[in-house]
Amino acid sequence: MIRNVPRDEWLYNDRGMMKWLGYFLSDHTQDMTDKKANEVPTPRLPQQDAQTIDQVLQKSWENSKWITLQLNGDAYLTVYNIDGIVIGTNDHLVYFQTDKTVTINIDNIRHAEFKKGSHLY
């Protein structure tokens, strides 16, 4: 059932989609700006040995300290950083709390260090 209301009986003057055009353009522009800021290349940190990475993960878990992990991405040359706290491990997996819970394979961790400003007591 289609209900056609004559224009003179409308409660307000609806201009149609024209009123949304500026919103979509500005919203899209802001989204593109945010994505471009996230695409800033991450400097590659040196590959750490497994023992060093394990020590940082262990201290983060024991003391609930924030750490920064650099992970190898999909391609060999792609790396990215993630900040959070270790909340658990299982076999070769690390459960990492950021703004959400993330599961990370230990083999993908390139570098681990305590987050700047986070002091280990």
PDB file of N, CA and C in Angstrom:
ATOM      1  N   MET A   1       0.831  -1.164   0.000  1.00  0.00           N
ATOM      2  CA  MET A   1       0.000   0.000   0.000  1.00  0.00           C
ATOM      3  C   MET A   1       0.887   1.243   0.000  1.00  0.00           C
ATOM      4  N   ILE A   2       0.693   2.105  -0.946  1.00  0.00           N
ATOM      5  CA  ILE A   2       1.449   3.341  -1.051  1.00  0.00           C
ATOM      6  C   ILE A   2       0.563   4.476  -0.587  1.00  0.00           C
ATOM      7  N   ARG A   3       1.096   5.273   0.292  1.00  0.00           N
ATOM      8  CA  ARG A   3       0.332   6.409   0.784  1.00  0.00           C
ATOM      9  C   ARG A   3       0.925   7.677   0.207  1.00  0.00           C
ATOM     10  N   ASN A   4       0.249   8.286  -0.689  1.00  0.00           N
ATOM     11  CA  ASN A   4       0.666   9.551  -1.288  1.00  0.00           C
ATOM     12  C   ASN A   4      -0.064  10.680  -0.600  1.00  0.00           C
ATOM     13  N   VAL A   5       0.711  11.513   0.083  1.00  0.00           N
ATOM     14  CA  VAL A   5       0.125  12.670   0.755  1.00  0.00           C
ATOM     15  C   VAL A   5       0.369  13.875  -0.138  1.00  0.00           C
ATOM     16  N   PRO A   6      -0.667  14.623  -0.458  1.00  0.00           N
ATOM     17  CA  PRO A   6      -0.462  15.816  -1.279  1.00  0.00           C
ATOM     18  C   PRO A   6       0.497  16.784  -0.603  1.00  0.00           C
ATOM     19  N   ARG A   7       1.317  17.449  -1.387  1.00  0.00           N
ATOM     20  CA  ARG A   7       2.362  18.331  -0.886  1.00  0.00           C
ATOM     21  C   ARG A   7       1.807  19.441   0.013  1.00  0.00           C
ATOM     22  N   ASP A   8       0.617  19.926  -0.256  1.00  0.00           N
ATOM     23  CA  ASP A   8       0.056  20.996   0.565  1.00  0.00           C
ATOM     24  C   ASP A   8      -0.391  20.508   1.948  1.00  0.00           C
ATOM     25  N   GLU A   9      -0.424  19.180   2.176  1.00  0.00           N
ATOM     26  CA  GLU A   9      -0.796  18.634   3.480  1.00  0.00           C
ATOM     27  C   GLU A   9       0.430  18.164   4.282  1.00  0.00           C
ATOM     28  N   TRP A  10       1.626  18.368   3.785  1.00  0.00           N
ATOM     29  CA  TRP A  10       2.835  17.990   4.516  1.00  0.00           C
ATOM     30  C   TRP A  10       2.965  18.838   5.769  1.00  0.00           C
ATOM     31  N   LEU A  11       3.540  18.278   6.812  1.00  0.00           N
ATOM     32  CA  LEU A  11       3.722  19.009   8.062  1.00  0.00           C
ATOM     33  C   LEU A  11       4.875  19.993   7.980  1.00  0.00           C
ATOM     34  N   TYR A  12       5.848  19.735   7.116  1.00  0.00           N
ATOM     35  CA  TYR A  12       6.989  20.632   6.931  1.00  0.00           C
ATOM     36  C   TYR A  12       7.420  20.552   5.476  1.00  0.00           C
ATOM     37  N   ASN A  13       8.172  21.546   5.047  1.00  0.00           N
ATOM     38  CA  ASN A  13       8.624  21.588   3.665  1.00  0.00           C
ATOM     39  C   ASN A  13       9.890  20.737   3.533  1.00  0.00           C
ATOM     40  N   ASP A  14       9.748  19.552   2.989  1.00  0.00           N
ATOM     41  CA  ASP A  14      10.876  18.641   2.816  1.00  0.00           C
ATOM     42  C   ASP A  14      11.529  18.923   1.472  1.00  0.00           C
ATOM     43  N   ARG A  15      12.844  19.234   1.512  1.00  0.00           N
ATOM     44  CA  ARG A  15      13.564  19.524   0.270  1.00  0.00           C
ATOM     45  C   ARG A  15      14.115  18.259  -0.373  1.00  0.00           C
ATOM     46  N   GLY A  16      13.831  17.102   0.193  1.00  0.00           N
ATOM     47  CA  GLY A  16      14.327  15.855  -0.375  1.00  0.00           C
ATOM     48  C   GLY A  16      15.780  15.616   0.015  1.00  0.00           C
ATOM     49  N   MET A  17      16.512  14.935  -0.817  1.00  0.00           N
ATOM     50  CA  MET A  17      17.886  14.559  -0.522  1.00  0.00           C
ATOM     51  C   MET A  17      18.865  15.726  -0.608  1.00  0.00           C
ATOM     52  N   MET A  18      18.451  16.842  -1.132  1.00  0.00           N
ATOM     53  CA  MET A  18      19.361  17.978  -1.256  1.00  0.00           C
ATOM     54  C   MET A  18      19.900  18.415   0.105  1.00  0.00           C
ATOM     55  N   LYS A  19      19.122  18.288   1.160  1.00  0.00           N
ATOM     56  CA  LYS A  19      19.564  18.730   2.470  1.00  0.00           C
ATOM     57  C   LYS A  19      20.671  17.827   3.030  1.00  0.00           C
ATOM     58  N   TRP A  20      20.793  16.613   2.541  1.00  0.00           N
ATOM     59  CA  TRP A  20      21.803  15.691   3.039  1.00  0.00           C
ATOM     60  C   TRP A  20      23.111  15.767   2.261  1.00  0.00           C
ATOM     61  N   LEU A  21      23.103  16.387   1.121  1.00  0.00           N
ATOM     62  CA  LEU A  21      24.268  16.385   0.249  1.00  0.00           C
ATOM     63  C   LEU A  21      25.508  16.957   0.928  1.00  0.00           C
ATOM     64  N   GLY A  22      25.384  18.084   1.611  1.00  0.00           N
ATOM     65  CA  GLY A  22      26.526  18.678   2.299  1.00  0.00           C
ATOM     66  C   GLY A  22      27.023  17.807   3.428  1.00  0.00           C
ATOM     67  N   TYR A  23      26.135  17.146   4.140  1.00  0.00           N
ATOM     68  CA  TYR A  23      26.521  16.258   5.231  1.00  0.00           C
ATOM     69  C   TYR A  23      27.358  15.101   4.708  1.00  0.00           C
ATOM     70  N   PHE A  24      26.900  14.468   3.663  1.00  0.00           N
ATOM     71  CA  PHE A  24      27.634  13.328   3.131  1.00  0.00           C
ATOM     72  C   PHE A  24      29.000  13.741   2.606  1.00  0.00           C
ATOM     73  N   LEU A  25      29.085  14.878   1.956  1.00  0.00           N
ATOM     74  CA  LEU A  25      30.371  15.322   1.441  1.00  0.00           C
ATOM     75  C   LEU A  25      31.346  15.622   2.572  1.00  0.00           C
ATOM     76  N   SER A  26      30.902  16.356   3.590  1.00  0.00           N
ATOM     77  CA  SER A  26      31.815  16.690   4.683  1.00  0.00           C
ATOM     78  C   SER A  26      32.173  15.457   5.496  1.00  0.00           C
ATOM     79  N   ASP A  27      31.209  14.563   5.701  1.00  0.00           N
ATOM     80  CA  ASP A  27      31.475  13.341   6.444  1.00  0.00           C
ATOM     81  C   ASP A  27      32.467  12.461   5.697  1.00  0.00           C
ATOM     82  N   HIS A  28      32.281  12.355   4.400  1.00  0.00           N
ATOM     83  CA  HIS A  28      33.190  11.555   3.576  1.00  0.00           C
ATOM     84  C   HIS A  28      34.596  12.156   3.582  1.00  0.00           C
ATOM     85  N   THR A  29      34.684  13.478   3.485  1.00  0.00           N
ATOM     86  CA  THR A  29      35.984  14.151   3.496  1.00  0.00           C
ATOM     87  C   THR A  29      36.705  13.911   4.811  1.00  0.00           C
ATOM     88  N   GLN A  30      35.979  13.993   5.935  1.00  0.00           N
ATOM     89  CA  GLN A  30      36.584  13.745   7.242  1.00  0.00           C
ATOM     90  C   GLN A  30      37.051  12.293   7.358  1.00  0.00           C
ATOM     91  N   ASP A  31      36.255  11.363   6.860  1.00  0.00           N
ATOM     92  CA  ASP A  31      36.628   9.951   6.899  1.00  0.00           C
ATOM     93  C   ASP A  31      37.893   9.697   6.093  1.00  0.00           C
ATOM     94  N   MET A  32      37.990  10.306   4.932  1.00  0.00           N
ATOM     95  CA  MET A  32      39.184  10.145   4.095  1.00  0.00           C
ATOM     96  C   MET A  32      40.410  10.758   4.775  1.00  0.00           C
ATOM     97  N   THR A  33      40.246  11.900   5.449  1.00  0.00           N
ATOM     98  CA  THR A  33      41.347  12.530   6.174  1.00  0.00           C
ATOM     99  C   THR A  33      41.826  11.632   7.305  1.00  0.00           C
ATOM    100  N   ASP A  34      40.886  11.033   8.042  1.00  0.00           N
ATOM    101  CA  ASP A  34      41.248  10.128   9.136  1.00  0.00           C
ATOM    102  C   ASP A  34      41.991   8.904   8.617  1.00  0.00           C
ATOM    103  N   LYS A  35      41.522   8.351   7.502  1.00  0.00           N
ATOM    104  CA  LYS A  35      42.193   7.177   6.936  1.00  0.00           C
ATOM    105  C   LYS A  35      43.600   7.522   6.462  1.00  0.00           C
ATOM    106  N   LYS A  36      43.770   8.697   5.881  1.00  0.00           N
ATOM    107  CA  LYS A  36      45.087   9.107   5.407  1.00  0.00           C
ATOM    108  C   LYS A  36      46.046   9.275   6.589  1.00  0.00           C
ATOM    109  N   ALA A  37      45.554   9.794   7.720  1.00  0.00           N
ATOM    110  CA  ALA A  37      46.395   9.946   8.912  1.00  0.00           C
ATOM    111  C   ALA A  37      46.823   8.584   9.440  1.00  0.00           C
ATOM    112  N   ASN A  38      45.949   7.580   9.320  1.00  0.00           N
ATOM    113  CA  ASN A  38      46.290   6.235   9.783  1.00  0.00           C
ATOM    114  C   ASN A  38      47.255   5.526   8.846  1.00  0.00           C
ATOM    115  N   GLU A  39      47.402   6.012   7.624  1.00  0.00           N
ATOM    116  CA  GLU A  39      48.270   5.366   6.656  1.00  0.00           C
ATOM    117  C   GLU A  39      49.701   5.886   6.699  1.00  0.00           C
ATOM    118  N   VAL A  40      50.020   6.681   7.729  1.00  0.00           N
ATOM    119  CA  VAL A  40      51.385   7.173   7.870  1.00  0.00           C
ATOM    120  C   VAL A  40      52.288   5.959   8.082  1.00  0.00           C
ATOM    121  N   PRO A  41      53.382   5.854   7.328  1.00  0.00           N
ATOM    122  CA  PRO A  41      54.233   4.680   7.461  1.00  0.00           C
ATOM    123  C   PRO A  41      54.783   4.529   8.876  1.00  0.00           C
ATOM    124  N   THR A  42      54.755   3.316   9.361  1.00  0.00           N
ATOM    125  CA  THR A  42      55.287   3.001  10.679  1.00  0.00           C
ATOM    126  C   THR A  42      56.764   2.648  10.530  1.00  0.00           C
ATOM    127  N   PRO A  43      57.640   3.307  11.290  1.00  0.00           N
ATOM    128  CA  PRO A  43      59.052   2.953  11.185  1.00  0.00           C
ATOM    129  C   PRO A  43      59.277   1.523  11.685  1.00  0.00           C
ATOM    130  N   ARG A  44      60.055   0.773  10.926  1.00  0.00           N
ATOM    131  CA  ARG A  44      60.332  -0.611  11.285  1.00  0.00           C
ATOM    132  C   ARG A  44      61.330  -0.661  12.431  1.00  0.00           C
ATOM    133  N   LEU A  45      60.931  -1.302  13.508  1.00  0.00           N
ATOM    134  CA  LEU A  45      61.824  -1.511  14.645  1.00  0.00           C
ATOM    135  C   LEU A  45      62.581  -2.813  14.411  1.00  0.00           C
ATOM    136  N   PRO A  46      63.739  -2.976  15.050  1.00  0.00           N
ATOM    137  CA  PRO A  46      64.507  -4.205  14.827  1.00  0.00           C
ATOM    138  C   PRO A  46      63.761  -5.441  15.330  1.00  0.00           C
ATOM    139  N   GLN A  47      63.942  -6.537  14.634  1.00  0.00           N
ATOM    140  CA  GLN A  47      63.339  -7.813  15.036  1.00  0.00           C
ATOM    141  C   GLN A  47      63.977  -8.262  16.342  1.00  0.00           C
ATOM    142  N   GLN A  48      63.156  -8.514  17.357  1.00  0.00           N
ATOM    143  CA  GLN A  48      63.675  -8.975  18.645  1.00  0.00           C
ATOM    144  C   GLN A  48      63.650 -10.494  18.692  1.00  0.00           C
ATOM    145  N   ASP A  49      64.495 -11.049  19.565  1.00  0.00           N
ATOM    146  CA  ASP A  49      64.480 -12.495  19.736  1.00  0.00           C
ATOM    147  C   ASP A  49      63.275 -12.881  20.594  1.00  0.00           C
ATOM    148  N   ALA A  50      62.897 -14.147  20.548  1.00  0.00           N
ATOM    149  CA  ALA A  50      61.700 -14.631  21.225  1.00  0.00           C
ATOM    150  C   ALA A  50      61.779 -14.444  22.735  1.00  0.00           C
ATOM    151  N   GLN A  51      62.965 -14.572  23.306  1.00  0.00           N
ATOM    152  CA  GLN A  51      63.120 -14.443  24.754  1.00  0.00           C
ATOM    153  C   GLN A  51      62.815 -13.015  25.218  1.00  0.00           C
ATOM    154  N   THR A  52      63.287 -12.020  24.496  1.00  0.00           N
ATOM    155  CA  THR A  52      63.029 -10.624  24.849  1.00  0.00           C
ATOM    156  C   THR A  52      61.539 -10.305  24.746  1.00  0.00           C
ATOM    157  N   ILE A  53      60.915 -10.757  23.674  1.00  0.00           N
ATOM    158  CA  ILE A  53      59.480 -10.539  23.493  1.00  0.00           C
ATOM    159  C   ILE A  53      58.704 -11.206  24.624  1.00  0.00           C
ATOM    160  N   ASP A  54      59.085 -12.426  24.974  1.00  0.00           N
ATOM    161  CA  ASP A  54      58.414 -13.170  26.040  1.00  0.00           C
ATOM    162  C   ASP A  54      58.530 -12.444  27.379  1.00  0.00           C
ATOM    163  N   GLN A  55      59.695 -11.859  27.670  1.00  0.00           N
ATOM    164  CA  GLN A  55      59.879 -11.137  28.933  1.00  0.00           C
ATOM    165  C   GLN A  55      58.962  -9.924  29.020  1.00  0.00           C
ATOM    166  N   VAL A  56      58.847  -9.167  27.934  1.00  0.00           N
ATOM    167  CA  VAL A  56      57.981  -7.987  27.926  1.00  0.00           C
ATOM    168  C   VAL A  56      56.521  -8.403  28.078  1.00  0.00           C
ATOM    169  N   LEU A  57      56.100  -9.456  27.367  1.00  0.00           N
ATOM    170  CA  LEU A  57      54.724  -9.943  27.468  1.00  0.00           C
ATOM    171  C   LEU A  57      54.423 -10.427  28.891  1.00  0.00           C
ATOM    172  N   GLN A  58      55.372 -11.138  29.487  1.00  0.00           N
ATOM    173  CA  GLN A  58      55.200 -11.670  30.844  1.00  0.00           C
ATOM    174  C   GLN A  58      55.047 -10.541  31.863  1.00  0.00           C
ATOM    175  N   LYS A  59      55.898  -9.515  31.783  1.00  0.00           N
ATOM    176  CA  LYS A  59      55.834  -8.390  32.730  1.00  0.00           C
ATOM    177  C   LYS A  59      54.561  -7.573  32.525  1.00  0.00           C
ATOM    178  N   SER A  60      54.105  -7.458  31.288  1.00  0.00           N
ATOM    179  CA  SER A  60      52.848  -6.755  31.026  1.00  0.00           C
ATOM    180  C   SER A  60      51.691  -7.503  31.672  1.00  0.00           C
ATOM    181  N   TRP A  61      51.701  -8.827  31.567  1.00  0.00           N
ATOM    182  CA  TRP A  61      50.633  -9.638  32.139  1.00  0.00           C
ATOM    183  C   TRP A  61      50.670  -9.596  33.662  1.00  0.00           C
ATOM    184  N   GLU A  62      51.863  -9.724  34.245  1.00  0.00           N
ATOM    185  CA  GLU A  62      51.992  -9.751  35.705  1.00  0.00           C
ATOM    186  C   GLU A  62      51.635  -8.416  36.350  1.00  0.00           C
ATOM    187  N   ASN A  63      51.998  -7.304  35.720  1.00  0.00           N
ATOM    188  CA  ASN A  63      51.856  -5.979  36.328  1.00  0.00           C
ATOM    189  C   ASN A  63      50.798  -5.103  35.673  1.00  0.00           C
ATOM    190  N   SER A  64      50.055  -5.646  34.716  1.00  0.00           N
ATOM    191  CA  SER A  64      49.030  -4.885  33.984  1.00  0.00           C
ATOM    192  C   SER A  64      49.586  -3.587  33.423  1.00  0.00           C
ATOM    193  N   LYS A  65      50.751  -3.684  32.798  1.00  0.00           N
ATOM    194  CA  LYS A  65      51.401  -2.514  32.207  1.00  0.00           C
ATOM    195  C   LYS A  65      51.129  -2.473  30.705  1.00  0.00           C
ATOM    196  N   TRP A  66      50.954  -1.249  30.182  1.00  0.00           N
ATOM    197  CA  TRP A  66      50.727  -1.049  28.757  1.00  0.00           C
ATOM    198  C   TRP A  66      52.018  -1.275  27.990  1.00  0.00           C
ATOM    199  N   ILE A  67      51.905  -1.989  26.898  1.00  0.00           N
ATOM    200  CA  ILE A  67      53.043  -2.208  26.018  1.00  0.00           C
ATOM    201  C   ILE A  67      52.652  -1.870  24.591  1.00  0.00           C
ATOM    202  N   THR A  68      53.665  -1.674  23.765  1.00  0.00           N
ATOM    203  CA  THR A  68      53.469  -1.461  22.337  1.00  0.00           C
ATOM    204  C   THR A  68      54.072  -2.643  21.614  1.00  0.00           C
ATOM    205  N   LEU A  69      53.274  -3.278  20.781  1.00  0.00           N
ATOM    206  CA  LEU A  69      53.752  -4.387  19.964  1.00  0.00           C
ATOM    207  C   LEU A  69      53.815  -3.933  18.519  1.00  0.00           C
ATOM    208  N   GLN A  70      54.889  -4.299  17.844  1.00  0.00           N
ATOM    209  CA  GLN A  70      54.934  -4.080  16.402  1.00  0.00           C
ATOM    210  C   GLN A  70      54.733  -5.441  15.761  1.00  0.00           C
ATOM    211  N   LEU A  71      53.716  -5.517  14.919  1.00  0.00           N
ATOM    212  CA  LEU A  71      53.350  -6.778  14.286  1.00  0.00           C
ATOM    213  C   LEU A  71      53.701  -6.749  12.817  1.00  0.00           C
ATOM    214  N   ASN A  72      54.081  -7.909  12.296  1.00  0.00           N
ATOM    215  CA  ASN A  72      54.254  -8.045  10.857  1.00  0.00           C
ATOM    216  C   ASN A  72      52.874  -8.112  10.238  1.00  0.00           C
ATOM    217  N   GLY A  73      52.657  -7.351   9.170  1.00  0.00           N
ATOM    218  CA  GLY A  73      51.356  -7.306   8.516  1.00  0.00           C
ATOM    219  C   GLY A  73      51.201  -8.418   7.506  1.00  0.00           C
ATOM    220  N   ASP A  74      50.276  -8.214   6.574  1.00  0.00           N
ATOM    221  CA  ASP A  74      49.986  -9.218   5.548  1.00  0.00           C
ATOM    222  C   ASP A  74      51.172  -9.421   4.621  1.00  0.00           C
ATOM    223  N   ALA A  75      51.755  -8.319   4.193  1.00  0.00           N
ATOM    224  CA  ALA A  75      52.911  -8.406   3.305  1.00  0.00           C
ATOM    225  C   ALA A  75      54.185  -8.340   4.158  1.00  0.00           C
ATOM    226  N   TYR A  76      55.283  -8.775   3.626  1.00  0.00           N
ATOM    227  CA  TYR A  76      56.537  -8.810   4.367  1.00  0.00           C
ATOM    228  C   TYR A  76      56.965  -7.418   4.817  1.00  0.00           C
ATOM    229  N   LEU A  77      56.748  -6.414   3.994  1.00  0.00           N
ATOM    230  CA  LEU A  77      57.218  -5.075   4.312  1.00  0.00           C
ATOM    231  C   LEU A  77      56.245  -4.273   5.168  1.00  0.00           C
ATOM    232  N   THR A  78      55.032  -4.777   5.371  1.00  0.00           N
ATOM    233  CA  THR A  78      54.031  -4.050   6.127  1.00  0.00           C
ATOM    234  C   THR A  78      54.153  -4.365   7.612  1.00  0.00           C
ATOM    235  N   VAL A  79      54.236  -3.321   8.439  1.00  0.00           N
ATOM    236  CA  VAL A  79      54.230  -3.489   9.890  1.00  0.00           C
ATOM    237  C   VAL A  79      53.255  -2.475  10.478  1.00  0.00           C
ATOM    238  N   TYR A  80      52.734  -2.763  11.639  1.00  0.00           N
ATOM    239  CA  TYR A  80      51.894  -1.793  12.333  1.00  0.00           C
ATOM    240  C   TYR A  80      52.024  -2.004  13.836  1.00  0.00           C
ATOM    241  N   ASN A  81      51.777  -0.927  14.584  1.00  0.00           N
ATOM    242  CA  ASN A  81      51.888  -0.946  16.037  1.00  0.00           C
ATOM    243  C   ASN A  81      50.513  -1.071  16.673  1.00  0.00           C
ATOM    244  N   ILE A  82      50.482  -1.720  17.833  1.00  0.00           N
ATOM    245  CA  ILE A  82      49.250  -1.856  18.598  1.00  0.00           C
ATOM    246  C   ILE A  82      49.614  -1.704  20.072  1.00  0.00           C
ATOM    247  N   ASP A  83      48.824  -0.905  20.801  1.00  0.00           N
ATOM    248  CA  ASP A  83      49.066  -0.659  22.221  1.00  0.00           C
ATOM    249  C   ASP A  83      48.005  -1.365  23.047  1.00  0.00           C
ATOM    250  N   GLY A  84      48.421  -1.916  24.200  1.00  0.00           N
ATOM    251  CA  GLY A  84      47.461  -2.560  25.079  1.00  0.00           C
ATOM    252  C   GLY A  84      48.136  -3.298  26.211  1.00  0.00           C
ATOM    253  N   ILE A  85      47.366  -4.161  26.864  1.00  0.00           N
ATOM    254  CA  ILE A  85      47.826  -4.941  28.009  1.00  0.00           C
ATOM    255  C   ILE A  85      47.579  -6.410  27.707  1.00  0.00           C
ATOM    256  N   VAL A  86      48.530  -7.266  28.063  1.00  0.00           N
ATOM    257  CA  VAL A  86      48.362  -8.711  27.907  1.00  0.00           C
ATOM    258  C   VAL A  86      47.411  -9.191  28.992  1.00  0.00           C
ATOM    259  N   ILE A  87      46.343  -9.901  28.594  1.00  0.00           N
ATOM    260  CA  ILE A  87      45.387 -10.416  29.568  1.00  0.00           C
ATOM    261  C   ILE A  87      45.397 -11.937  29.636  1.00  0.00           C
ATOM    262  N   GLY A  88      46.215 -12.573  28.803  1.00  0.00           N
ATOM    263  CA  GLY A  88      46.316 -14.022  28.867  1.00  0.00           C
ATOM    264  C   GLY A  88      47.038 -14.596  27.668  1.00  0.00           C
ATOM    265  N   THR A  89      47.411 -15.875  27.788  1.00  0.00           N
ATOM    266  CA  THR A  89      48.061 -16.583  26.690  1.00  0.00           C
ATOM    267  C   THR A  89      47.506 -17.998  26.617  1.00  0.00           C
ATOM    268  N   ASN A  90      47.667 -18.599  25.466  1.00  0.00           N
ATOM    269  CA  ASN A  90      47.271 -19.983  25.266  1.00  0.00           C
ATOM    270  C   ASN A  90      48.059 -20.513  24.089  1.00  0.00           C
ATOM    271  N   ASP A  91      48.979 -21.449  24.350  1.00  0.00           N
ATOM    272  CA  ASP A  91      49.826 -22.036  23.318  1.00  0.00           C
ATOM    273  C   ASP A  91      50.613 -20.929  22.615  1.00  0.00           C
ATOM    274  N   HIS A  92      50.397 -20.659  21.342  1.00  0.00           N
ATOM    275  CA  HIS A  92      51.112 -19.619  20.596  1.00  0.00           C
ATOM    276  C   HIS A  92      50.274 -18.354  20.426  1.00  0.00           C
ATOM    277  N   LEU A  93      49.218 -18.196  21.229  1.00  0.00           N
ATOM    278  CA  LEU A  93      48.342 -17.041  21.110  1.00  0.00           C
ATOM    279  C   LEU A  93      48.472 -16.134  22.328  1.00  0.00           C
ATOM    280  N   VAL A  94      48.405 -14.835  22.090  1.00  0.00           N
ATOM    281  CA  VAL A  94      48.405 -13.835  23.153  1.00  0.00           C
ATOM    282  C   VAL A  94      47.074 -13.097  23.080  1.00  0.00           C
ATOM    283  N   TYR A  95      46.389 -12.981  24.205  1.00  0.00           N
ATOM    284  CA  TYR A  95      45.141 -12.227  24.270  1.00  0.00           C
ATOM    285  C   TYR A  95      45.499 -10.831  24.775  1.00  0.00           C
ATOM    286  N   PHE A  96      45.196  -9.859  23.956  1.00  0.00           N
ATOM    287  CA  PHE A  96      45.674  -8.497  24.144  1.00  0.00           C
ATOM    288  C   PHE A  96      44.479  -7.572  24.271  1.00  0.00           C
ATOM    289  N   GLN A  97      44.447  -6.759  25.341  1.00  0.00           N
ATOM    290  CA  GLN A  97      43.332  -5.837  25.566  1.00  0.00           C
ATOM    291  C   GLN A  97      43.708  -4.446  25.100  1.00  0.00           C
ATOM    292  N   THR A  98      43.030  -3.976  24.062  1.00  0.00           N
ATOM    293  CA  THR A  98      43.154  -2.593  23.607  1.00  0.00           C
ATOM    294  C   THR A  98      41.797  -1.970  23.928  1.00  0.00           C
ATOM    295  N   ASP A  99      41.156  -1.299  23.012  1.00  0.00           N
ATOM    296  CA  ASP A  99      39.778  -0.882  23.228  1.00  0.00           C
ATOM    297  C   ASP A  99      38.837  -2.071  23.067  1.00  0.00           C
ATOM    298  N   LYS A 100      39.368  -3.184  22.543  1.00  0.00           N
ATOM    299  CA  LYS A 100      38.653  -4.453  22.439  1.00  0.00           C
ATOM    300  C   LYS A 100      39.676  -5.565  22.665  1.00  0.00           C
ATOM    301  N   THR A 101      39.232  -6.789  22.785  1.00  0.00           N
ATOM    302  CA  THR A 101      40.148  -7.913  22.968  1.00  0.00           C
ATOM    303  C   THR A 101      40.626  -8.398  21.610  1.00  0.00           C
ATOM    304  N   VAL A 102      41.950  -8.531  21.479  1.00  0.00           N
ATOM    305  CA  VAL A 102      42.565  -8.942  20.223  1.00  0.00           C
ATOM    306  C   VAL A 102      43.382 -10.206  20.482  1.00  0.00           C
ATOM    307  N   THR A 103      43.302 -11.170  19.585  1.00  0.00           N
ATOM    308  CA  THR A 103      44.108 -12.379  19.682  1.00  0.00           C
ATOM    309  C   THR A 103      45.249 -12.263  18.680  1.00  0.00           C
ATOM    310  N   ILE A 104      46.483 -12.438  19.178  1.00  0.00           N
ATOM    311  CA  ILE A 104      47.673 -12.263  18.345  1.00  0.00           C
ATOM    312  C   ILE A 104      48.501 -13.540  18.395  1.00  0.00           C
ATOM    313  N   ASN A 105      48.935 -13.993  17.236  1.00  0.00           N
ATOM    314  CA  ASN A 105      49.865 -15.121  17.169  1.00  0.00           C
ATOM    315  C   ASN A 105      51.261 -14.608  17.535  1.00  0.00           C
ATOM    316  N   ILE A 106      51.935 -15.280  18.455  1.00  0.00           N
ATOM    317  CA  ILE A 106      53.256 -14.840  18.920  1.00  0.00           C
ATOM    318  C   ILE A 106      54.244 -14.732  17.768  1.00  0.00           C
ATOM    319  N   ASP A 107      54.099 -15.578  16.772  1.00  0.00           N
ATOM    320  CA  ASP A 107      55.019 -15.565  15.631  1.00  0.00           C
ATOM    321  C   ASP A 107      54.910 -14.279  14.813  1.00  0.00           C
ATOM    322  N   ASN A 108      53.806 -13.539  14.945  1.00  0.00           N
ATOM    323  CA  ASN A 108      53.618 -12.298  14.192  1.00  0.00           C
ATOM    324  C   ASN A 108      54.199 -11.080  14.893  1.00  0.00           C
ATOM    325  N   ILE A 109      54.659 -11.245  16.139  1.00  0.00           N
ATOM    326  CA  ILE A 109      55.200 -10.111  16.892  1.00  0.00           C
ATOM    327  C   ILE A 109      56.644  -9.873  16.461  1.00  0.00           C
ATOM    328  N   ARG A 110      56.912  -8.662  16.038  1.00  0.00           N
ATOM    329  CA  ARG A 110      58.242  -8.278  15.580  1.00  0.00           C
ATOM    330  C   ARG A 110      59.045  -7.616  16.702  1.00  0.00           C
ATOM    331  N   HIS A 111      58.376  -6.777  17.489  1.00  0.00           N
ATOM    332  CA  HIS A 111      59.054  -5.986  18.503  1.00  0.00           C
ATOM    333  C   HIS A 111      58.068  -5.711  19.641  1.00  0.00           C
ATOM    334  N   ALA A 112      58.532  -5.782  20.878  1.00  0.00           N
ATOM    335  CA  ALA A 112      57.690  -5.491  22.040  1.00  0.00           C
ATOM    336  C   ALA A 112      58.459  -4.586  22.988  1.00  0.00           C
ATOM    337  N   GLU A 113      57.799  -3.543  23.452  1.00  0.00           N
ATOM    338  CA  GLU A 113      58.426  -2.640  24.416  1.00  0.00           C
ATOM    339  C   GLU A 113      57.345  -1.994  25.260  1.00  0.00           C
ATOM    340  N   PHE A 114      57.747  -1.522  26.443  1.00  0.00           N
ATOM    341  CA  PHE A 114      56.790  -0.849  27.302  1.00  0.00           C
ATOM    342  C   PHE A 114      56.419   0.492  26.692  1.00  0.00           C
ATOM    343  N   LYS A 115      55.138   0.816  26.789  1.00  0.00           N
ATOM    344  CA  LYS A 115      54.637   2.070  26.209  1.00  0.00           C
ATOM    345  C   LYS A 115      55.313   3.256  26.884  1.00  0.00           C
ATOM    346  N   LYS A 116      55.610   4.246  26.088  1.00  0.00           N
ATOM    347  CA  LYS A 116      56.245   5.453  26.612  1.00  0.00           C
ATOM    348  C   LYS A 116      55.381   6.042  27.729  1.00  0.00           C
ATOM    349  N   GLY A 117      56.013   6.376  28.860  1.00  0.00           N
ATOM    350  CA  GLY A 117      55.288   6.931  29.993  1.00  0.00           C
ATOM    351  C   GLY A 117      54.781   5.866  30.947  1.00  0.00           C
ATOM    352  N   SER A 118      54.882   4.591  30.579  1.00  0.00           N
ATOM    353  CA  SER A 118      54.476   3.508  31.456  1.00  0.00           C
ATOM    354  C   SER A 118      55.725   2.956  32.143  1.00  0.00           C
ATOM    355  N   HIS A 119      55.804   3.133  33.446  1.00  0.00           N
ATOM    356  CA  HIS A 119      56.982   2.694  34.189  1.00  0.00           C
ATOM    357  C   HIS A 119      56.706   1.365  34.876  1.00  0.00           C
ATOM    358  N   LEU A 120      57.660   0.492  34.811  1.00  0.00           N
ATOM    359  CA  LEU A 120      57.543  -0.807  35.458  1.00  0.00           C
ATOM    360  C   LEU A 120      58.040  -0.678  36.892  1.00  0.00           C
ATOM    361  N   TYR A 121      57.212  -1.047  37.869  1.00  0.00           N
ATOM    362  CA  TYR A 121      57.581  -0.940  39.283  1.00  0.00           C
ATOM    363  C   TYR A 121      58.035  -2.283  39.794  1.00  0.00           C
TER     364      TYR A 121
END
